[in-house]
PDB file of all heavy atoms in Angstrom:
ATOM      1  N   PHE A   1     106.722 102.012  94.015  1.00  0.00           N
ATOM      2  CA  PHE A   1     105.380 102.333  93.520  1.00  0.00           C
ATOM      3  C   PHE A   1     105.415 103.545  92.595  1.00  0.00           C
ATOM      4  O   PHE A   1     104.684 103.602  91.594  1.00  0.00           O
ATOM      5  CB  PHE A   1     104.428 102.572  94.687  1.00  0.00           C
ATOM      6  CG  PHE A   1     103.911 101.319  95.321  1.00  0.00           C
ATOM      7  CD1 PHE A   1     104.242 100.999  96.631  1.00  0.00           C
ATOM      8  CD2 PHE A   1     103.098 100.443  94.616  1.00  0.00           C
ATOM      9  CE1 PHE A   1     103.768  99.836  97.222  1.00  0.00           C
ATOM     10  CE2 PHE A   1     102.623  99.268  95.191  1.00  0.00           C
ATOM     11  CZ  PHE A   1     102.958  98.969  96.499  1.00  0.00           C
ATOM     12  N   THR A   2     106.260 104.510  92.905  1.00  0.00           N
ATOM     13  CA  THR A   2     106.391 105.686  92.058  1.00  0.00           C
ATOM     14  C   THR A   2     106.948 105.322  90.690  1.00  0.00           C
ATOM     15  O   THR A   2     106.415 105.731  89.650  1.00  0.00           O
ATOM     16  CB  THR A   2     107.295 106.739  92.725  1.00  0.00           C
ATOM     17  OG1 THR A   2     106.737 107.113  93.994  1.00  0.00           O
ATOM     18  CG2 THR A   2     107.424 107.971  91.859  1.00  0.00           C
ATOM     19  N   LEU A   3     108.011 104.522  90.672  1.00  0.00           N
ATOM     20  CA  LEU A   3     108.629 104.127  89.406  1.00  0.00           C
ATOM     21  C   LEU A   3     107.702 103.243  88.570  1.00  0.00           C
ATOM     22  O   LEU A   3     107.587 103.429  87.352  1.00  0.00           O
ATOM     23  CB  LEU A   3     109.943 103.390  89.678  1.00  0.00           C
ATOM     24  CG  LEU A   3     111.077 104.221  90.293  1.00  0.00           C
ATOM     25  CD1 LEU A   3     112.277 103.336  90.580  1.00  0.00           C
ATOM     26  CD2 LEU A   3     111.470 105.366  89.372  1.00  0.00           C
ATOM     27  N   ALA A   4     107.038 102.289  89.209  1.00  0.00           N
ATOM     28  CA  ALA A   4     106.146 101.388  88.475  1.00  0.00           C
ATOM     29  C   ALA A   4     104.994 102.155  87.837  1.00  0.00           C
ATOM     30  O   ALA A   4     104.516 101.791  86.752  1.00  0.00           O
ATOM     31  CB  ALA A   4     105.603 100.310  89.414  1.00  0.00           C
ATOM     32  N   GLY A   5     104.560 103.221  88.480  1.00  0.00           N
ATOM     33  CA  GLY A   5     103.455 104.014  87.949  1.00  0.00           C
ATOM     34  C   GLY A   5     103.795 104.803  86.703  1.00  0.00           C
ATOM     35  O   GLY A   5     102.897 105.282  86.000  1.00  0.00           O
ATOM     36  N   LYS A   6     105.070 104.921  86.390  1.00  0.00           N
ATOM     37  CA  LYS A   6     105.482 105.675  85.205  1.00  0.00           C
ATOM     38  C   LYS A   6     105.199 104.924  83.910  1.00  0.00           C
ATOM     39  O   LYS A   6     105.135 105.524  82.829  1.00  0.00           O
ATOM     40  CB  LYS A   6     106.971 106.028  85.296  1.00  0.00           C
ATOM     41  CG  LYS A   6     107.292 107.013  86.427  1.00  0.00           C
ATOM     42  CD  LYS A   6     108.760 107.378  86.444  1.00  0.00           C
ATOM     43  CE  LYS A   6     109.081 108.338  87.581  1.00  0.00           C
ATOM     44  NZ  LYS A   6     108.348 109.618  87.465  1.00  0.00           N
ATOM     45  N   THR A   7     105.027 103.604  83.987  1.00  0.00           N
ATOM     46  CA  THR A   7     104.771 102.795  82.793  1.00  0.00           C
ATOM     47  C   THR A   7     103.506 101.962  82.936  1.00  0.00           C
ATOM     48  O   THR A   7     103.357 100.944  82.276  1.00  0.00           O
ATOM     49  CB  THR A   7     105.966 101.871  82.515  1.00  0.00           C
ATOM     50  OG1 THR A   7     106.204 101.041  83.665  1.00  0.00           O
ATOM     51  CG2 THR A   7     107.214 102.677  82.193  1.00  0.00           C
ATOM     52  N   SER A   8     102.596 102.381  83.812  1.00  0.00           N
ATOM     53  CA  SER A   8     101.391 101.615  84.104  1.00  0.00           C
ATOM     54  C   SER A   8     100.193 102.552  84.218  1.00  0.00           C
ATOM     55  O   SER A   8     100.351 103.726  84.575  1.00  0.00           O
ATOM     56  CB  SER A   8     101.581 100.842  85.420  1.00  0.00           C
ATOM     57  OG  SER A   8     100.357 100.297  85.872  1.00  0.00           O
ATOM     58  N   PRO A   9      98.990 102.051  83.934  1.00  0.00           N
ATOM     59  CA  PRO A   9      97.789 102.856  84.179  1.00  0.00           C
ATOM     60  C   PRO A   9      97.506 103.024  85.670  1.00  0.00           C
ATOM     61  O   PRO A   9      96.647 103.813  86.058  1.00  0.00           O
ATOM     62  CB  PRO A   9      96.675 102.061  83.490  1.00  0.00           C
ATOM     63  CG  PRO A   9      97.178 100.655  83.454  1.00  0.00           C
ATOM     64  CD  PRO A   9      98.672 100.771  83.273  1.00  0.00           C
ATOM     65  N   LEU A  10      98.229 102.273  86.489  1.00  0.00           N
ATOM     66  CA  LEU A  10      98.134 102.422  87.937  1.00  0.00           C
ATOM     67  C   LEU A  10      99.213 103.391  88.393  1.00  0.00           C
ATOM     68  O   LEU A  10     100.362 103.290  87.958  1.00  0.00           O
ATOM     69  CB  LEU A  10      98.316 101.076  88.630  1.00  0.00           C
ATOM     70  CG  LEU A  10      97.373  99.954  88.200  1.00  0.00           C
ATOM     71  CD1 LEU A  10      97.741  98.656  88.897  1.00  0.00           C
ATOM     72  CD2 LEU A  10      95.926 100.323  88.486  1.00  0.00           C
ATOM     73  N   ARG A  11      98.871 104.311  89.281  1.00  0.00           N
ATOM     74  CA  ARG A  11      99.881 105.265  89.735  1.00  0.00           C
ATOM     75  C   ARG A  11      99.670 105.626  91.189  1.00  0.00           C
ATOM     76  O   ARG A  11      98.541 105.654  91.692  1.00  0.00           O
ATOM     77  CB  ARG A  11      99.870 106.523  88.877  1.00  0.00           C
ATOM     78  CG  ARG A  11      98.578 107.304  88.887  1.00  0.00           C
ATOM     79  CD  ARG A  11      98.607 108.409  87.847  1.00  0.00           C
ATOM     80  NE  ARG A  11      97.384 109.212  87.907  1.00  0.00           N
ATOM     81  CZ  ARG A  11      97.337 110.478  88.283  1.00  0.00           C
ATOM     82  NH1 ARG A  11      98.436 111.100  88.648  1.00  0.00           N
ATOM     83  NH2 ARG A  11      96.191 111.144  88.311  1.00  0.00           N
ATOM     84  N   LEU A  12     100.772 105.891  91.848  1.00  0.00           N
ATOM     85  CA  LEU A  12     100.745 106.313  93.244  1.00  0.00           C
ATOM     86  C   LEU A  12     100.349 107.781  93.313  1.00  0.00           C
ATOM     87  O   LEU A  12     100.998 108.631  92.710  1.00  0.00           O
ATOM     88  CB  LEU A  12     102.129 106.110  93.864  1.00  0.00           C
ATOM     89  CG  LEU A  12     102.290 106.507  95.331  1.00  0.00           C
ATOM     90  CD1 LEU A  12     101.547 105.531  96.237  1.00  0.00           C
ATOM     91  CD2 LEU A  12     103.770 106.543  95.716  1.00  0.00           C
ATOM     92  N   VAL A  13      99.272 108.084  94.054  1.00  0.00           N
ATOM     93  CA  VAL A  13      98.814 109.473  94.157  1.00  0.00           C
ATOM     94  C   VAL A  13      98.921 110.024  95.580  1.00  0.00           C
ATOM     95  O   VAL A  13      98.747 111.225  95.779  1.00  0.00           O
ATOM     96  CB  VAL A  13      97.360 109.624  93.651  1.00  0.00           C
ATOM     97  CG1 VAL A  13      97.282 109.326  92.161  1.00  0.00           C
ATOM     98  CG2 VAL A  13      96.404 108.728  94.427  1.00  0.00           C
ATOM     99  N   ASP A  14      99.221 109.163  96.540  1.00  0.00           N
ATOM    100  CA  ASP A  14      99.391 109.644  97.910  1.00  0.00           C
ATOM    101  C   ASP A  14     100.259 108.664  98.674  1.00  0.00           C
ATOM    102  O   ASP A  14     100.125 107.447  98.519  1.00  0.00           O
ATOM    103  CB  ASP A  14      98.031 109.807  98.608  1.00  0.00           C
ATOM    104  CG  ASP A  14      98.153 110.425 100.001  1.00  0.00           C
ATOM    105  OD1 ASP A  14      99.029 111.299 100.186  1.00  0.00           O
ATOM    106  OD2 ASP A  14      97.386 110.047 100.900  1.00  0.00           O
ATOM    107  N   TRP A  15     101.157 109.209  99.494  1.00  0.00           N
ATOM    108  CA  TRP A  15     102.020 108.388 100.358  1.00  0.00           C
ATOM    109  C   TRP A  15     102.259 109.152 101.639  1.00  0.00           C
ATOM    110  O   TRP A  15     102.678 110.310 101.613  1.00  0.00           O
ATOM    111  CB  TRP A  15     103.350 108.094  99.670  1.00  0.00           C
ATOM    112  CG  TRP A  15     104.267 107.224 100.480  1.00  0.00           C
ATOM    113  CD1 TRP A  15     105.093 107.612 101.499  1.00  0.00           C
ATOM    114  CD2 TRP A  15     104.430 105.807 100.348  1.00  0.00           C
ATOM    115  NE1 TRP A  15     105.774 106.530 102.007  1.00  0.00           N
ATOM    116  CE2 TRP A  15     105.380 105.413 101.319  1.00  0.00           C
ATOM    117  CE3 TRP A  15     103.875 104.857  99.504  1.00  0.00           C
ATOM    118  CZ2 TRP A  15     105.781 104.090 101.461  1.00  0.00           C
ATOM    119  CZ3 TRP A  15     104.270 103.537  99.652  1.00  0.00           C
ATOM    120  CH2 TRP A  15     105.213 103.166 100.612  1.00  0.00           C
ATOM    121  N   GLN A  16     101.981 108.516 102.771  1.00  0.00           N
ATOM    122  CA  GLN A  16     102.156 109.176 104.063  1.00  0.00           C
ATOM    123  C   GLN A  16     102.876 108.235 105.026  1.00  0.00           C
ATOM    124  O   GLN A  16     102.664 107.025 104.995  1.00  0.00           O
ATOM    125  CB  GLN A  16     100.805 109.576 104.662  1.00  0.00           C
ATOM    126  CG  GLN A  16     100.003 110.542 103.804  1.00  0.00           C
ATOM    127  CD  GLN A  16      98.688 110.912 104.449  1.00  0.00           C
ATOM    128  OE1 GLN A  16      98.616 111.218 105.648  1.00  0.00           O
ATOM    129  NE2 GLN A  16      97.626 110.898 103.650  1.00  0.00           N
ATOM    130  N   GLU A  17     103.714 108.817 105.870  1.00  0.00           N
ATOM    131  CA  GLU A  17     104.421 108.084 106.913  1.00  0.00           C
ATOM    132  C   GLU A  17     104.387 108.895 108.206  1.00  0.00           C
ATOM    133  O   GLU A  17     104.001 110.062 108.207  1.00  0.00           O
ATOM    134  CB  GLU A  17     105.881 107.866 106.520  1.00  0.00           C
ATOM    135  CG  GLU A  17     106.115 107.084 105.256  1.00  0.00           C
ATOM    136  CD  GLU A  17     107.583 107.073 104.872  1.00  0.00           C
ATOM    137  OE1 GLU A  17     108.448 107.184 105.777  1.00  0.00           O
ATOM    138  OE2 GLU A  17     107.881 106.994 103.665  1.00  0.00           O
ATOM    139  N   GLY A  18     104.804 108.259 109.311  1.00  0.00           N
ATOM    140  CA  GLY A  18     104.981 108.989 110.554  1.00  0.00           C
ATOM    141  C   GLY A  18     103.899 108.761 111.584  1.00  0.00           C
ATOM    142  O   GLY A  18     102.938 108.015 111.371  1.00  0.00           O
ATOM    143  N   ARG A  19     104.060 109.433 112.694  1.00  0.00           N
ATOM    144  CA  ARG A  19     103.168 109.243 113.838  1.00  0.00           C
ATOM    145  C   ARG A  19     101.742 109.718 113.578  1.00  0.00           C
ATOM    146  O   ARG A  19     100.811 109.324 114.278  1.00  0.00           O
ATOM    147  CB  ARG A  19     103.738 109.962 115.067  1.00  0.00           C
ATOM    148  CG  ARG A  19     105.021 109.328 115.590  1.00  0.00           C
ATOM    149  CD  ARG A  19     105.520 110.008 116.852  1.00  0.00           C
ATOM    150  NE  ARG A  19     106.684 109.327 117.393  1.00  0.00           N
ATOM    151  CZ  ARG A  19     106.617 108.286 118.213  1.00  0.00           C
ATOM    152  NH1 ARG A  19     105.436 107.826 118.584  1.00  0.00           N
ATOM    153  NH2 ARG A  19     107.723 107.717 118.662  1.00  0.00           N
ATOM    154  N   GLY A  20     101.585 110.577 112.573  1.00  0.00           N
ATOM    155  CA  GLY A  20     100.239 111.031 112.238  1.00  0.00           C
ATOM    156  C   GLY A  20      99.339 109.912 111.764  1.00  0.00           C
ATOM    157  O   GLY A  20      98.107 110.059 111.760  1.00  0.00           O
ATOM    158  N   LEU A  21      99.929 108.781 111.380  1.00  0.00           N
ATOM    159  CA  LEU A  21      99.149 107.620 110.951  1.00  0.00           C
ATOM    160  C   LEU A  21      98.611 106.813 112.124  1.00  0.00           C
ATOM    161  O   LEU A  21      97.672 106.036 111.967  1.00  0.00           O
ATOM    162  CB  LEU A  21     100.007 106.696 110.085  1.00  0.00           C
ATOM    163  CG  LEU A  21     100.694 107.283 108.857  1.00  0.00           C
ATOM    164  CD1 LEU A  21     101.455 106.178 108.122  1.00  0.00           C
ATOM    165  CD2 LEU A  21      99.697 107.930 107.926  1.00  0.00           C
ATOM    166  N   PHE A  22      99.222 106.967 113.283  1.00  0.00           N
ATOM    167  CA  PHE A  22      98.934 106.085 114.402  1.00  0.00           C
ATOM    168  C   PHE A  22      97.511 106.286 114.926  1.00  0.00           C
ATOM    169  O   PHE A  22      97.022 107.410 115.038  1.00  0.00           O
ATOM    170  CB  PHE A  22      99.922 106.306 115.542  1.00  0.00           C
ATOM    171  CG  PHE A  22     101.338 105.909 115.228  1.00  0.00           C
ATOM    172  CD1 PHE A  22     102.343 106.085 116.160  1.00  0.00           C
ATOM    173  CD2 PHE A  22     101.669 105.362 114.000  1.00  0.00           C
ATOM    174  CE1 PHE A  22     103.650 105.723 115.876  1.00  0.00           C
ATOM    175  CE2 PHE A  22     102.969 104.981 113.700  1.00  0.00           C
ATOM    176  CZ  PHE A  22     103.964 105.174 114.651  1.00  0.00           C
ATOM    177  N   ASP A  23      96.885 105.177 115.255  1.00  0.00           N
ATOM    178  CA  ASP A  23      95.544 105.188 115.820  1.00  0.00           C
ATOM    179  C   ASP A  23      95.418 103.960 116.718  1.00  0.00           C
ATOM    180  O   ASP A  23      96.400 103.252 116.955  1.00  0.00           O
ATOM    181  CB  ASP A  23      94.499 105.163 114.705  1.00  0.00           C
ATOM    182  CG  ASP A  23      93.195 105.842 115.093  1.00  0.00           C
ATOM    183  OD1 ASP A  23      92.966 106.059 116.300  1.00  0.00           O
ATOM    184  OD2 ASP A  23      92.400 106.156 114.189  1.00  0.00           O
ATOM    185  N   SER A  24      94.217 103.699 117.202  1.00  0.00           N
ATOM    186  CA  SER A  24      93.993 102.528 118.047  1.00  0.00           C
ATOM    187  C   SER A  24      92.544 102.085 117.912  1.00  0.00           C
ATOM    188  O   SER A  24      91.704 102.803 117.370  1.00  0.00           O
ATOM    189  CB  SER A  24      94.318 102.841 119.509  1.00  0.00           C
ATOM    190  OG  SER A  24      93.463 103.856 120.005  1.00  0.00           O
ATOM    191  N   VAL A  25      92.274 100.897 118.405  1.00  0.00           N
ATOM    192  CA  VAL A  25      90.923 100.356 118.365  1.00  0.00           C
ATOM    193  C   VAL A  25      90.664  99.588 119.659  1.00  0.00           C
ATOM    194  O   VAL A  25      91.558  98.923 120.190  1.00  0.00           O
ATOM    195  CB  VAL A  25      90.741  99.432 117.135  1.00  0.00           C
ATOM    196  CG1 VAL A  25      91.721  98.264 117.168  1.00  0.00           C
ATOM    197  CG2 VAL A  25      89.321  98.935 117.036  1.00  0.00           C
ATOM    198  N   VAL A  26      89.474  99.714 120.189  1.00  0.00           N
ATOM    199  CA  VAL A  26      89.099  99.009 121.415  1.00  0.00           C
ATOM    200  C   VAL A  26      88.370  97.734 121.045  1.00  0.00           C
ATOM    201  O   VAL A  26      87.406  97.751 120.269  1.00  0.00           O
ATOM    202  CB  VAL A  26      88.206  99.891 122.308  1.00  0.00           C
ATOM    203  CG1 VAL A  26      87.743  99.100 123.539  1.00  0.00           C
ATOM    204  CG2 VAL A  26      88.955 101.147 122.728  1.00  0.00           C
ATOM    205  N   ILE A  27      88.841  96.620 121.600  1.00  0.00           N
ATOM    206  CA  ILE A  27      88.271  95.307 121.307  1.00  0.00           C
ATOM    207  C   ILE A  27      87.744  94.686 122.597  1.00  0.00           C
ATOM    208  O   ILE A  27      88.447  94.651 123.603  1.00  0.00           O
ATOM    209  CB  ILE A  27      89.335  94.395 120.674  1.00  0.00           C
ATOM    210  CG1 ILE A  27      89.807  94.999 119.344  1.00  0.00           C
ATOM    211  CG2 ILE A  27      88.782  92.989 120.454  1.00  0.00           C
ATOM    212  CD1 ILE A  27      90.941  94.241 118.713  1.00  0.00           C
ATOM    213  N   ALA A  28      86.533  94.219 122.540  1.00  0.00           N
ATOM    214  CA  ALA A  28      85.928  93.560 123.703  1.00  0.00           C
ATOM    215  C   ALA A  28      86.245  92.073 123.673  1.00  0.00           C
ATOM    216  O   ALA A  28      86.197  91.427 122.630  1.00  0.00           O
ATOM    217  CB  ALA A  28      84.424  93.769 123.703  1.00  0.00           C
ATOM    218  N   ASN A  29      86.619  91.523 124.830  1.00  0.00           N
ATOM    219  CA  ASN A  29      86.854  90.091 124.940  1.00  0.00           C
ATOM    220  C   ASN A  29      86.314  89.598 126.282  1.00  0.00           C
ATOM    221  O   ASN A  29      85.651  90.348 127.001  1.00  0.00           O
ATOM    222  CB  ASN A  29      88.343  89.764 124.785  1.00  0.00           C
ATOM    223  CG  ASN A  29      89.198  90.552 125.766  1.00  0.00           C
ATOM    224  OD1 ASN A  29      88.798  90.792 126.909  1.00  0.00           O
ATOM    225  ND2 ASN A  29      90.386  90.952 125.329  1.00  0.00           N
ATOM    226  N   THR A  30      86.588  88.348 126.597  1.00  0.00           N
ATOM    227  CA  THR A  30      86.040  87.763 127.825  1.00  0.00           C
ATOM    228  C   THR A  30      86.566  88.435 129.083  1.00  0.00           C
ATOM    229  O   THR A  30      85.975  88.332 130.149  1.00  0.00           O
ATOM    230  CB  THR A  30      86.366  86.262 127.874  1.00  0.00           C
ATOM    231  OG1 THR A  30      87.782  86.083 127.769  1.00  0.00           O
ATOM    232  CG2 THR A  30      85.678  85.520 126.744  1.00  0.00           C
ATOM    233  N   GLU A  31      87.697  89.124 128.953  1.00  0.00           N
ATOM    234  CA  GLU A  31      88.297  89.793 130.105  1.00  0.00           C
ATOM    235  C   GLU A  31      87.908  91.272 130.190  1.00  0.00           C
ATOM    236  O   GLU A  31      88.362  91.986 131.067  1.00  0.00           O
ATOM    237  CB  GLU A  31      89.820  89.668 130.029  1.00  0.00           C
ATOM    238  CG  GLU A  31      90.298  88.214 130.038  1.00  0.00           C
ATOM    239  CD  GLU A  31      91.801  88.125 129.885  1.00  0.00           C
ATOM    240  OE1 GLU A  31      92.444  89.187 129.678  1.00  0.00           O
ATOM    241  OE2 GLU A  31      92.333  86.998 129.972  1.00  0.00           O
ATOM    242  N   GLY A  32      87.088  91.700 129.246  1.00  0.00           N
ATOM    243  CA  GLY A  32      86.670  93.101 129.224  1.00  0.00           C
ATOM    244  C   GLY A  32      87.077  93.764 127.930  1.00  0.00           C
ATOM    245  O   GLY A  32      87.055  93.139 126.865  1.00  0.00           O
ATOM    246  N   ALA A  33      87.458  95.026 128.005  1.00  0.00           N
ATOM    247  CA  ALA A  33      87.848  95.777 126.817  1.00  0.00           C
ATOM    248  C   ALA A  33      89.363  95.945 126.782  1.00  0.00           C
ATOM    249  O   ALA A  33      90.006  96.146 127.803  1.00  0.00           O
ATOM    250  CB  ALA A  33      87.166  97.134 126.803  1.00  0.00           C
ATOM    251  N   LYS A  34      89.906  95.857 125.574  1.00  0.00           N
ATOM    252  CA  LYS A  34      91.346  95.998 125.392  1.00  0.00           C
ATOM    253  C   LYS A  34      91.605  96.937 124.220  1.00  0.00           C
ATOM    254  O   LYS A  34      90.973  96.813 123.166  1.00  0.00           O
ATOM    255  CB  LYS A  34      91.982  94.634 125.120  1.00  0.00           C
ATOM    256  CG  LYS A  34      93.493  94.662 124.937  1.00  0.00           C
ATOM    257  CD  LYS A  34      94.033  93.260 124.708  1.00  0.00           C
ATOM    258  CE  LYS A  34      95.550  93.265 124.571  1.00  0.00           C
ATOM    259  NZ  LYS A  34      96.092  91.898 124.342  1.00  0.00           N
ATOM    260  N   ARG A  35      92.504  97.885 124.401  1.00  0.00           N
ATOM    261  CA  ARG A  35      92.857  98.811 123.323  1.00  0.00           C
ATOM    262  C   ARG A  35      94.120  98.310 122.614  1.00  0.00           C
ATOM    263  O   ARG A  35      95.141  98.072 123.234  1.00  0.00           O
ATOM    264  CB  ARG A  35      93.089 100.212 123.874  1.00  0.00           C
ATOM    265  CG  ARG A  35      93.377 101.257 122.785  1.00  0.00           C
ATOM    266  CD  ARG A  35      93.481 102.651 123.367  1.00  0.00           C
ATOM    267  NE  ARG A  35      92.234 103.109 123.924  1.00  0.00           N
ATOM    268  CZ  ARG A  35      91.260 103.681 123.218  1.00  0.00           C
ATOM    269  NH1 ARG A  35      91.419 103.849 121.905  1.00  0.00           N
ATOM    270  NH2 ARG A  35      90.144 104.076 123.801  1.00  0.00           N
ATOM    271  N   LEU A  36      94.012  98.163 121.294  1.00  0.00           N
ATOM    272  CA  LEU A  36      95.133  97.708 120.477  1.00  0.00           C
ATOM    273  C   LEU A  36      95.601  98.841 119.571  1.00  0.00           C
ATOM    274  O   LEU A  36      94.791  99.595 119.031  1.00  0.00           O
ATOM    275  CB  LEU A  36      94.725  96.513 119.614  1.00  0.00           C
ATOM    276  CG  LEU A  36      94.326  95.226 120.342  1.00  0.00           C
ATOM    277  CD1 LEU A  36      93.935  94.161 119.321  1.00  0.00           C
ATOM    278  CD2 LEU A  36      95.451  94.732 121.223  1.00  0.00           C
ATOM    279  N   PRO A  37      96.904  98.960 119.375  1.00  0.00           N
ATOM    280  CA  PRO A  37      97.426 100.011 118.490  1.00  0.00           C
ATOM    281  C   PRO A  37      97.237  99.642 117.022  1.00  0.00           C
ATOM    282  O   PRO A  37      97.255  98.468 116.651  1.00  0.00           O
ATOM    283  CB  PRO A  37      98.907 100.063 118.855  1.00  0.00           C
ATOM    284  CG  PRO A  37      99.218  98.671 119.313  1.00  0.00           C
ATOM    285  CD  PRO A  37      97.977  98.179 120.019  1.00  0.00           C
ATOM    286  N   VAL A  38      97.048 100.647 116.203  1.00  0.00           N
ATOM    287  CA  VAL A  38      97.052 100.511 114.747  1.00  0.00           C
ATOM    288  C   VAL A  38      98.142 101.458 114.261  1.00  0.00           C
ATOM    289  O   VAL A  38      97.960 102.677 114.242  1.00  0.00           O
ATOM    290  CB  VAL A  38      95.691 100.875 114.130  1.00  0.00           C
ATOM    291  CG1 VAL A  38      95.758 100.829 112.607  1.00  0.00           C
ATOM    292  CG2 VAL A  38      94.607  99.938 114.644  1.00  0.00           C
ATOM    293  N   ARG A  39      99.298 100.910 113.895  1.00  0.00           N
ATOM    294  CA  ARG A  39     100.462 101.730 113.574  1.00  0.00           C
ATOM    295  C   ARG A  39     101.128 101.258 112.285  1.00  0.00           C
ATOM    296  O   ARG A  39     102.157 100.572 112.307  1.00  0.00           O
ATOM    297  CB  ARG A  39     101.473 101.701 114.725  1.00  0.00           C
ATOM    298  CG  ARG A  39     100.916 102.316 116.013  1.00  0.00           C
ATOM    299  CD  ARG A  39     101.976 102.389 117.086  1.00  0.00           C
ATOM    300  NE  ARG A  39     101.477 103.084 118.272  1.00  0.00           N
ATOM    301  CZ  ARG A  39     102.208 103.344 119.348  1.00  0.00           C
ATOM    302  NH1 ARG A  39     103.471 102.954 119.391  1.00  0.00           N
ATOM    303  NH2 ARG A  39     101.676 103.977 120.374  1.00  0.00           N
TER     304      ARG A  39
END
């Protein structure tokens, strides 16, 4: 993405990795509530 942005009007302005990205979401179903990871 960095290299492609050097010759395009589109450019990479932010890139993040690691555990700081991790989150979760609670989903309700017939068995109750379930927490799923978003990683």
